[in-house]
Amino acid sequence: MTVDDRFGEDLQRTRRQRFLSGHQSEIVTDPVTDWATDFSHVDPEWAADPYPIQDELRRSCPIAHTDRFGGAWLPTRYEDVAAIAYDTEHFTSRAIIVSNMRPPADLAPAGGAPPISSDPPFHHDARKLLLPAFTKNAVARQEPGTRAYCHALIDAFDGRDVVDAAREYAKQIPTRVIADLLGFPQQDSEKFGAFVENTLEDVNAPAEVRLRRLTRLSEYLLEQIHDHIAHPRDDLTTHLLDAELHGRRLEPGHVLGTINLLLIAGIDTTWSAIGASLWHLAKTPADRERLVAEPELLPTAMEEFLRAYAPVTMARLVKQDMHWNGVDMKADDWVLLPFPAANRDPAQFDRAGEVVIDREVNRHAAFGLGIHRCVGSHLARMELRVALEVWLERIPSFTLADPGAVTWAPGQVRGPRTLPLRIAR
């Protein structure tokens, strides 16, 4: 069988059958009235400002529950989030996006998006395949192009007084970087944004609707894979097509799932982190002015932005019925891992609810905890640092044009989706 033969219609058919064979739960979209017993991470109130909700739950009900999504748990203390993240014996990673369906157990050990959907021991080797692309040296080679692109984006503002920094700047930077990494066409960037939003935000859509949207993504990725098979080049897609695991070429579903992961996670997390940092600086002139005056403080401030506005909430599934830290969890219950809540736990951080841009000790969990800690953290840090350096160099004075017009993404990756900023000339 040739490499090309491995990526035929049967792959799409198999993925469709597996998707529809998973357990599907009743869709509930009513507004939340009690966050301790009926939370929803896609509720508009949570998307707009989850921190007061998390703080209250941490005090009164540190492990909340909901019957939505077929049953889910929400720990809010750092120690609980960390304990679950490190516990691969009782919690599986085979599904990491909470929705109204659970994929069948036969997706193990790889899961649908390895390595993030993989359990040990498969996870270790699947993750190892990606490490060379995300070393500090590999990331450093991306920096000049990223910096030039940030300048080009600001040039494109063309003297306007108000720009949407989320759509016109924050979103565009990781889109370009990930497209380059995977060897995908830059002109497809608008498709990438749609793929991200469909995957992470529309979790309450019916199964057939989600399948239709996810199929569009898979079809696009298969087109890119076939193009790489026909025209190999020096990028991560070709690397995955040529890679071997345990003496065999990667299964087609493994290649497709990993590329899916890199495209979705690599764009939305950094898009959100850049946007949240600019939002904070726009509404906090003292911090903005200090960073303009002391640019050497930016790496420290950046880590604080990651702590305070951590974009990612991950998820696990409970492996079997058990009593855990005072609650009775059932097999296949979802467990959300809100790293943003862990990062604001006063038991773990002094002045946890404040943004302290010169915080010296900052062991935050923005990139996750445990075996699934973000493999692309060096890349994300580079993009965030360069994006902020260039912005503050070119646009040292800016404010929120309309605070009420700022919108935030619902779901497990939270960041500004619209961010109108007024530029002082």
Protein backbone atom coordinates (compact mmCIF):
# COMPACT_ATOMS: atom_id res chain seq x y z
CA MET A 1 0.00 0.00 0.00
CA THR A 2 1.41 3.40 -0.94
CA VAL A 3 1.34 6.40 1.38
CA ASP A 4 -1.37 7.92 -0.80
CA ASP A 5 -3.52 4.79 -0.53
CA ARG A 6 -3.67 5.16 3.23
CA PHE A 7 -5.61 8.42 2.96
CA GLY A 8 -8.72 7.46 1.03
CA GLU A 9 -12.46 7.77 1.47
CA ASP A 10 -12.42 4.93 3.98
CA LEU A 11 -10.76 7.21 6.53
CA GLN A 12 -13.56 9.74 6.34
CA ARG A 13 -16.16 6.98 6.45
CA THR A 14 -14.57 5.40 9.51
CA ARG A 15 -14.34 8.72 11.36
CA ARG A 16 -17.99 9.46 10.56
CA GLN A 17 -19.13 6.05 11.84
CA ARG A 18 -17.11 6.42 15.02
CA PHE A 19 -18.46 9.91 15.65
CA LEU A 20 -22.07 8.80 15.32
CA SER A 21 -21.50 5.63 17.38
CA GLY A 22 -20.49 7.66 20.43
CA HIS A 23 -22.89 8.33 23.30
CA GLN A 24 -25.00 11.44 22.65
CA SER A 25 -26.65 13.46 25.40
CA GLU A 26 -29.66 15.73 25.49
CA ILE A 27 -28.87 19.31 24.47
CA VAL A 28 -29.65 21.91 27.14
CA THR A 29 -29.27 25.61 26.32
CA ASP A 30 -31.27 27.23 29.13
CA PRO A 31 -29.45 29.99 31.06
CA VAL A 32 -27.61 28.84 34.17
CA THR A 33 -29.40 29.66 37.42
CA ASP A 34 -27.18 27.79 39.90
CA TRP A 35 -23.49 27.48 39.05
CA ALA A 36 -22.86 24.87 41.73
CA THR A 37 -25.39 22.37 40.37
CA ASP A 38 -26.05 23.40 36.77
CA PHE A 39 -22.96 25.11 35.34
CA SER A 40 -22.27 25.56 31.64
CA HIS A 41 -18.94 26.77 30.33
CA VAL A 42 -20.68 28.00 27.15
CA ASP A 43 -23.16 30.22 29.04
CA PRO A 44 -22.86 33.90 28.00
CA GLU A 45 -22.28 34.99 31.61
CA TRP A 46 -19.30 32.64 31.89
CA ALA A 47 -17.89 33.82 28.57
CA ALA A 48 -18.20 37.48 29.57
CA ASP A 49 -16.50 37.14 32.98
CA PRO A 50 -15.94 33.71 34.57
CA TYR A 51 -13.68 34.86 37.41
CA PRO A 52 -16.33 35.93 39.97
CA ILE A 53 -18.16 32.67 39.33
CA GLN A 54 -14.99 30.64 39.84
CA ASP A 55 -14.11 32.56 43.00
CA GLU A 56 -17.54 31.95 44.52
CA LEU A 57 -17.47 28.25 43.63
CA ARG A 58 -14.00 27.89 45.13
CA ARG A 59 -15.39 29.23 48.43
CA SER A 60 -18.75 27.48 48.50
CA CYS A 61 -18.62 24.44 46.19
CA PRO A 62 -15.08 23.74 44.98
CA ILE A 63 -16.15 20.82 42.78
CA ALA A 64 -19.33 21.86 40.98
CA HIS A 65 -21.56 19.52 38.96
CA THR A 66 -23.97 19.76 36.06
CA ASP A 67 -26.28 17.31 34.32
CA ARG A 68 -25.65 19.14 31.06
CA PHE A 69 -23.46 17.45 28.47
CA GLY A 70 -24.46 14.11 29.97
CA GLY A 71 -22.88 14.95 33.32
CA ALA A 72 -19.78 17.01 34.09
CA TRP A 73 -17.68 18.19 37.03
CA LEU A 74 -15.86 21.49 37.54
CA PRO A 75 -13.06 21.68 40.14
CA THR A 76 -11.92 25.24 40.90
CA ARG A 77 -9.04 24.77 43.38
CA TYR A 78 -5.50 24.53 42.06
CA GLU A 79 -4.80 21.36 44.06
CA ASP A 80 -7.83 19.55 42.59
CA VAL A 81 -7.13 20.65 39.02
CA ALA A 82 -3.50 19.56 39.35
CA ALA A 83 -4.41 16.23 40.94
CA ILE A 84 -6.73 15.32 38.06
CA ALA A 85 -4.30 16.55 35.41
CA TYR A 86 -1.59 14.24 36.75
CA ASP A 87 -3.87 11.26 37.42
CA THR A 88 -3.88 9.06 34.33
CA GLU A 89 -5.07 6.02 36.29
CA HIS A 90 -8.57 7.32 37.02
CA PHE A 91 -9.06 9.86 34.22
CA THR A 92 -8.70 9.33 30.48
CA SER A 93 -7.80 11.90 27.84
CA ARG A 94 -9.54 10.17 24.95
CA ALA A 95 -11.84 13.21 24.67
CA ILE A 96 -10.78 16.69 25.70
CA ILE A 97 -13.56 18.94 24.31
CA VAL A 98 -16.74 18.77 26.40
CA SER A 99 -19.83 18.47 24.22
CA ASN A 100 -23.05 16.50 24.07
CA MET A 101 -21.36 13.40 22.70
CA ARG A 102 -18.60 11.15 23.95
CA PRO A 103 -16.47 9.27 21.44
CA PRO A 104 -16.43 5.48 21.73
CA ALA A 105 -13.77 3.88 23.89
CA ASP A 106 -12.25 2.05 20.91
CA LEU A 107 -10.47 5.26 19.90
CA ALA A 108 -7.86 4.44 22.55
CA PRO A 109 -4.91 4.51 22.79
CA ALA A 110 -4.36 7.34 20.28
CA GLY A 111 -7.71 9.10 20.53
CA GLY A 112 -8.96 11.48 17.89
CA ALA A 113 -6.18 14.08 18.20
CA PRO A 114 -2.94 12.51 19.41
CA PRO A 115 -1.00 13.15 21.56
CA ILE A 116 -3.44 15.33 23.53
CA SER A 117 -6.15 12.67 23.27
CA SER A 118 -3.77 9.81 24.11
CA ASP A 119 -3.24 7.97 27.38
CA PRO A 120 0.00 6.40 28.57
CA PRO A 121 2.03 4.66 27.37
CA PHE A 122 1.07 5.56 23.78
CA HIS A 123 1.07 9.25 24.64
CA HIS A 124 4.81 9.43 25.38
CA ASP A 125 5.91 8.25 21.94
CA ALA A 126 3.26 10.23 20.07
CA ARG A 127 4.31 13.41 21.84
CA LYS A 128 7.99 12.70 21.20
CA LEU A 129 7.35 12.84 17.45
CA LEU A 130 6.42 16.53 17.74
CA LEU A 131 9.18 17.77 20.03
CA PRO A 132 11.79 18.62 17.35
CA ALA A 133 9.43 21.15 15.74
CA PHE A 134 8.92 23.03 19.01
CA THR A 135 12.38 23.31 20.53
CA LYS A 136 13.70 26.76 21.43
CA ASN A 137 16.06 26.68 18.44
CA ALA A 138 13.28 25.71 16.03
CA VAL A 139 11.04 28.45 17.43
CA ALA A 140 13.83 31.03 17.18
CA ARG A 141 13.91 30.47 13.42
CA GLN A 142 10.26 31.53 13.28
CA GLU A 143 10.82 34.80 15.12
CA PRO A 144 12.10 37.10 12.34
CA GLY A 145 9.20 36.21 10.06
CA THR A 146 6.72 36.62 12.90
CA ARG A 147 8.10 40.04 13.79
CA ALA A 148 7.99 41.21 10.17
CA TYR A 149 4.40 40.02 9.87
CA CYS A 150 3.34 41.89 13.02
CA HIS A 151 4.74 45.08 11.52
CA ALA A 152 2.91 44.37 8.25
CA LEU A 153 -0.38 43.91 10.10
CA ILE A 154 0.02 47.27 11.81
CA ASP A 155 0.99 48.88 8.50
CA ALA A 156 -2.33 47.62 7.16
CA PHE A 157 -4.23 49.66 9.76
CA ASP A 158 -3.52 52.50 7.32
CA GLY A 159 -3.80 55.34 9.81
CA ARG A 160 -7.24 54.39 11.16
CA ASP A 161 -8.08 55.55 14.67
CA VAL A 162 -10.05 52.40 15.62
CA VAL A 163 -9.06 48.83 14.78
CA ASP A 164 -10.34 45.45 15.88
CA ALA A 165 -7.19 44.12 17.53
CA ALA A 166 -8.69 40.65 17.95
CA ARG A 167 -9.59 40.06 14.31
CA GLU A 168 -7.02 42.26 12.59
CA TYR A 169 -3.99 41.47 14.73
CA ALA A 170 -4.20 38.79 17.44
CA LYS A 171 -5.93 36.22 15.24
CA GLN A 172 -3.70 36.75 12.22
CA ILE A 173 -0.36 36.09 13.92
CA PRO A 174 -0.80 32.44 15.01
CA THR A 175 -2.75 31.73 11.83
CA ARG A 176 0.31 32.63 9.77
CA VAL A 177 2.76 30.85 12.08
CA ILE A 178 0.80 27.59 12.13
CA ALA A 179 0.16 27.71 8.38
CA ASP A 180 3.91 28.04 7.83
CA LEU A 181 4.64 25.24 10.28
CA LEU A 182 2.22 22.86 8.57
CA GLY A 183 2.94 24.06 5.03
CA PHE A 184 -0.64 25.24 4.40
CA PRO A 185 -1.64 28.12 2.08
CA GLN A 186 -1.68 31.53 3.78
CA GLN A 187 -4.71 32.53 1.74
CA ASP A 188 -6.77 29.92 3.60
CA SER A 189 -6.51 31.84 6.88
CA GLU A 190 -10.20 32.72 7.01
CA LYS A 191 -11.06 29.03 6.80
CA PHE A 192 -8.82 28.38 9.80
CA GLY A 193 -10.79 30.84 11.93
CA ALA A 194 -14.07 29.15 11.00
CA PHE A 195 -12.63 25.73 11.80
CA VAL A 196 -11.51 26.96 15.22
CA GLU A 197 -14.85 28.46 16.14
CA ASN A 198 -16.85 25.46 14.90
CA THR A 199 -14.70 23.01 16.85
CA LEU A 200 -14.44 24.82 20.17
CA GLU A 201 -17.50 27.04 20.45
CA ASP A 202 -20.43 25.14 18.89
CA VAL A 203 -20.40 22.28 21.38
CA ASN A 204 -24.16 22.53 21.94
CA ALA A 205 -24.95 21.94 18.27
CA PRO A 206 -26.70 18.65 17.36
CA ALA A 207 -24.39 15.75 16.54
CA GLU A 208 -25.20 15.82 12.82
CA VAL A 209 -24.44 19.54 12.64
CA ARG A 210 -21.13 19.13 14.45
CA LEU A 211 -20.28 16.17 12.25
CA ARG A 212 -20.98 18.22 9.12
CA ARG A 213 -18.72 21.02 10.31
CA LEU A 214 -15.96 18.70 11.46
CA THR A 215 -16.19 16.86 8.13
CA ARG A 216 -15.43 20.12 6.31
CA LEU A 217 -12.29 20.44 8.40
CA SER A 218 -11.27 16.83 7.75
CA GLU A 219 -11.86 17.23 4.03
CA TYR A 220 -9.69 20.33 3.97
CA LEU A 221 -6.92 18.59 5.90
CA LEU A 222 -7.08 15.58 3.59
CA GLU A 223 -6.65 17.91 0.61
CA GLN A 224 -3.53 19.34 2.21
CA ILE A 225 -2.23 15.87 3.08
CA HIS A 226 -2.66 14.65 -0.50
CA ASP A 227 -0.89 17.76 -1.78
CA HIS A 228 2.00 17.01 0.57
CA ILE A 229 2.11 13.40 -0.58
CA ALA A 230 2.36 14.60 -4.17
CA HIS A 231 4.78 17.43 -3.35
CA PRO A 232 6.79 16.68 -0.17
CA ARG A 233 8.50 19.64 1.48
CA ASP A 234 10.28 20.60 4.66
CA ASP A 235 7.37 21.12 7.05
CA LEU A 236 5.58 19.38 9.87
CA THR A 237 2.92 17.78 7.66
CA THR A 238 5.54 15.98 5.57
CA HIS A 239 7.37 15.05 8.78
CA LEU A 240 4.24 13.35 10.12
CA LEU A 241 3.62 11.54 6.84
CA ASP A 242 7.16 10.14 6.92
CA ALA A 243 7.27 9.44 10.67
CA GLU A 244 7.25 5.98 12.18
CA LEU A 245 5.95 4.82 15.52
CA HIS A 246 6.88 1.40 16.89
CA GLY A 247 8.39 0.47 13.52
CA ARG A 248 5.38 1.43 11.40
CA ARG A 249 4.21 4.50 9.54
CA LEU A 250 1.61 6.48 11.47
CA GLU A 251 -1.99 5.44 10.95
CA PRO A 252 -3.94 7.87 8.73
CA GLY A 253 -6.21 8.80 11.62
CA HIS A 254 -3.15 9.64 13.73
CA VAL A 255 -1.71 11.97 11.08
CA LEU A 256 -5.06 13.64 10.43
CA GLY A 257 -5.84 13.99 14.15
CA THR A 258 -2.46 15.49 15.01
CA ILE A 259 -2.65 18.04 12.20
CA ASN A 260 -6.18 18.87 13.33
CA LEU A 261 -4.87 19.44 16.86
CA LEU A 262 -1.98 21.66 15.72
CA LEU A 263 -4.22 23.78 13.52
CA ILE A 264 -7.01 24.32 16.05
CA ALA A 265 -5.04 24.53 19.30
CA GLY A 266 -2.08 26.35 17.78
CA ILE A 267 -4.26 29.18 16.53
CA ASP A 268 -6.96 29.76 19.14
CA THR A 269 -4.85 29.62 22.29
CA THR A 270 -2.33 32.22 21.09
CA TRP A 271 -5.00 34.35 19.41
CA SER A 272 -6.75 34.47 22.78
CA ALA A 273 -3.61 35.19 24.81
CA ILE A 274 -2.51 38.07 22.58
CA GLY A 275 -6.00 39.56 22.56
CA ALA A 276 -6.47 39.32 26.33
CA SER A 277 -3.08 40.96 26.93
CA LEU A 278 -3.94 43.89 24.63
CA TRP A 279 -7.36 44.19 26.30
CA HIS A 280 -5.70 44.44 29.70
CA LEU A 281 -3.22 47.07 28.54
CA ALA A 282 -5.95 49.09 26.84
CA LYS A 283 -7.99 49.30 30.03
CA THR A 284 -5.03 49.64 32.42
CA PRO A 285 -3.01 52.70 31.34
CA ALA A 286 -0.56 52.45 34.27
CA ASP A 287 0.58 48.99 33.15
CA ARG A 288 0.71 50.05 29.50
CA GLU A 289 2.76 53.14 30.26
CA ARG A 290 5.15 51.18 32.46
CA LEU A 291 5.82 48.57 29.78
CA VAL A 292 6.42 51.28 27.18
CA ALA A 293 8.91 52.91 29.54
CA GLU A 294 10.45 49.59 30.70
CA PRO A 295 10.32 47.19 27.73
CA GLU A 296 12.72 44.84 29.55
CA LEU A 297 9.82 44.05 31.93
CA LEU A 298 7.70 42.58 29.15
CA PRO A 299 8.75 38.90 29.56
CA THR A 300 7.75 39.05 33.23
CA ALA A 301 4.51 40.89 32.47
CA MET A 302 3.72 38.40 29.74
CA GLU A 303 3.83 35.51 32.22
CA GLU A 304 1.42 37.42 34.44
CA PHE A 305 -0.98 37.94 31.55
CA LEU A 306 -0.81 34.21 30.90
CA ARG A 307 -1.58 33.51 34.55
CA ALA A 308 -4.38 36.02 34.96
CA TYR A 309 -6.03 35.45 31.57
CA ALA A 310 -5.09 31.83 30.89
CA PRO A 311 -7.14 30.95 27.80
CA VAL A 312 -7.37 27.16 28.07
CA THR A 313 -9.69 24.85 29.98
CA MET A 314 -8.94 21.21 29.23
CA ALA A 315 -11.11 18.15 29.97
CA ARG A 316 -10.93 14.49 30.91
CA LEU A 317 -13.38 11.60 31.15
CA VAL A 318 -13.78 9.52 34.32
CA LYS A 319 -12.64 5.96 33.65
CA GLN A 320 -14.94 4.18 36.13
CA ASP A 321 -17.39 4.91 38.95
CA MET A 322 -15.55 6.22 41.98
CA HIS A 323 -15.69 8.47 45.01
CA TRP A 324 -13.18 11.28 44.48
CA ASN A 325 -12.47 14.13 46.93
CA GLY A 326 -15.97 14.04 48.38
CA VAL A 327 -18.00 13.59 45.19
CA ASP A 328 -19.34 10.50 43.43
CA MET A 329 -18.14 10.46 39.85
CA LYS A 330 -19.59 8.09 37.27
CA ALA A 331 -17.81 6.41 34.38
CA ASP A 332 -17.67 8.72 31.36
CA ASP A 333 -18.53 11.84 33.35
CA TRP A 334 -16.73 14.84 31.96
CA VAL A 335 -14.27 16.67 34.20
CA LEU A 336 -13.31 20.16 33.12
CA LEU A 337 -9.82 21.32 34.10
CA PRO A 338 -10.13 25.11 34.33
CA PHE A 339 -6.51 26.26 34.39
CA PRO A 340 -7.81 29.87 34.55
CA ALA A 341 -9.49 29.07 37.89
CA ALA A 342 -6.40 27.27 39.19
CA ASN A 343 -4.31 30.31 38.29
CA ARG A 344 -6.49 32.55 40.46
CA ASP A 345 -6.59 30.34 43.53
CA PRO A 346 -5.44 32.45 46.53
CA ALA A 347 -4.11 29.30 48.17
CA GLN A 348 -1.55 29.09 45.34
CA PHE A 349 -0.85 32.74 44.43
CA ASP A 350 -0.54 35.93 46.46
CA ARG A 351 -2.89 38.65 45.25
CA ALA A 352 -4.38 36.00 42.99
CA GLY A 353 -7.18 38.20 41.67
CA GLU A 354 -4.85 41.06 40.74
CA VAL A 355 -2.69 41.50 37.65
CA VAL A 356 0.82 42.22 38.97
CA ILE A 357 3.04 42.77 35.94
CA ASP A 358 6.28 42.54 37.94
CA ARG A 359 5.30 39.36 39.81
CA GLU A 360 8.57 37.55 40.50
CA VAL A 361 7.36 34.03 41.36
CA ASN A 362 4.78 32.85 38.86
CA ARG A 363 4.43 29.10 38.46
CA HIS A 364 1.16 29.38 36.57
CA ALA A 365 -0.71 26.60 34.79
CA ALA A 366 -1.63 28.47 31.62
CA PHE A 367 0.05 25.80 29.50
CA GLY A 368 -1.52 22.97 31.45
CA LEU A 369 -0.24 20.47 33.99
CA GLY A 370 0.78 16.84 33.80
CA ILE A 371 1.66 14.80 30.73
CA HIS A 372 -0.35 17.02 28.39
CA ARG A 373 1.41 20.26 29.20
CA CYS A 374 1.43 22.25 25.95
CA VAL A 375 4.08 20.94 23.56
CA GLY A 376 4.06 24.30 21.78
CA SER A 377 4.63 26.53 24.81
CA HIS A 378 7.93 27.92 23.43
CA LEU A 379 6.20 28.85 20.19
CA ALA A 380 3.23 30.44 21.96
CA ARG A 381 5.52 32.48 24.21
CA MET A 382 7.49 33.72 21.22
CA GLU A 383 4.35 34.78 19.37
CA LEU A 384 2.92 36.54 22.42
CA ARG A 385 6.17 38.34 23.22
CA VAL A 386 6.80 39.49 19.65
CA ALA A 387 3.18 40.55 19.17
CA LEU A 388 3.30 42.72 22.28
CA GLU A 389 6.79 44.08 21.59
CA VAL A 390 5.85 45.23 18.09
CA TRP A 391 2.48 46.63 19.17
CA LEU A 392 3.92 48.66 22.05
CA GLU A 393 6.76 49.90 19.87
CA ARG A 394 4.42 51.00 17.09
CA ILE A 395 1.33 51.91 19.13
CA PRO A 396 2.42 53.02 22.61
CA SER A 397 -0.89 54.74 23.43
CA PHE A 398 -4.28 53.06 22.96
CA THR A 399 -7.55 52.56 24.82
CA LEU A 400 -10.75 50.58 24.53
CA ALA A 401 -12.85 52.30 21.86
CA ASP A 402 -16.04 50.86 23.35
CA PRO A 403 -15.76 48.52 26.37
CA GLY A 404 -19.26 47.23 25.73
CA ALA A 405 -18.33 46.12 22.21
CA VAL A 406 -15.67 43.68 23.41
CA THR A 407 -16.86 40.09 23.03
CA TRP A 408 -15.30 36.89 24.39
CA ALA A 409 -15.29 33.38 23.00
CA PRO A 410 -17.44 30.85 24.87
CA GLY A 411 -16.18 27.38 25.56
CA GLN A 412 -12.85 25.93 26.58
CA VAL A 413 -10.58 28.52 24.97
CA ARG A 414 -11.52 32.02 26.10
CA GLY A 415 -10.21 35.21 24.57
CA PRO A 416 -11.52 38.37 22.90
CA ARG A 417 -13.31 37.76 19.63
CA THR A 418 -13.94 41.46 18.97
CA LEU A 419 -11.62 44.05 20.51
CA PRO A 420 -12.09 47.59 19.14
CA LEU A 421 -9.13 49.69 20.24
CA ARG A 422 -8.71 53.44 19.77
CA ILE A 423 -5.19 54.42 18.73
CA ALA A 424 -3.86 57.74 19.97
CA ARG A 425 -2.05 59.68 17.24
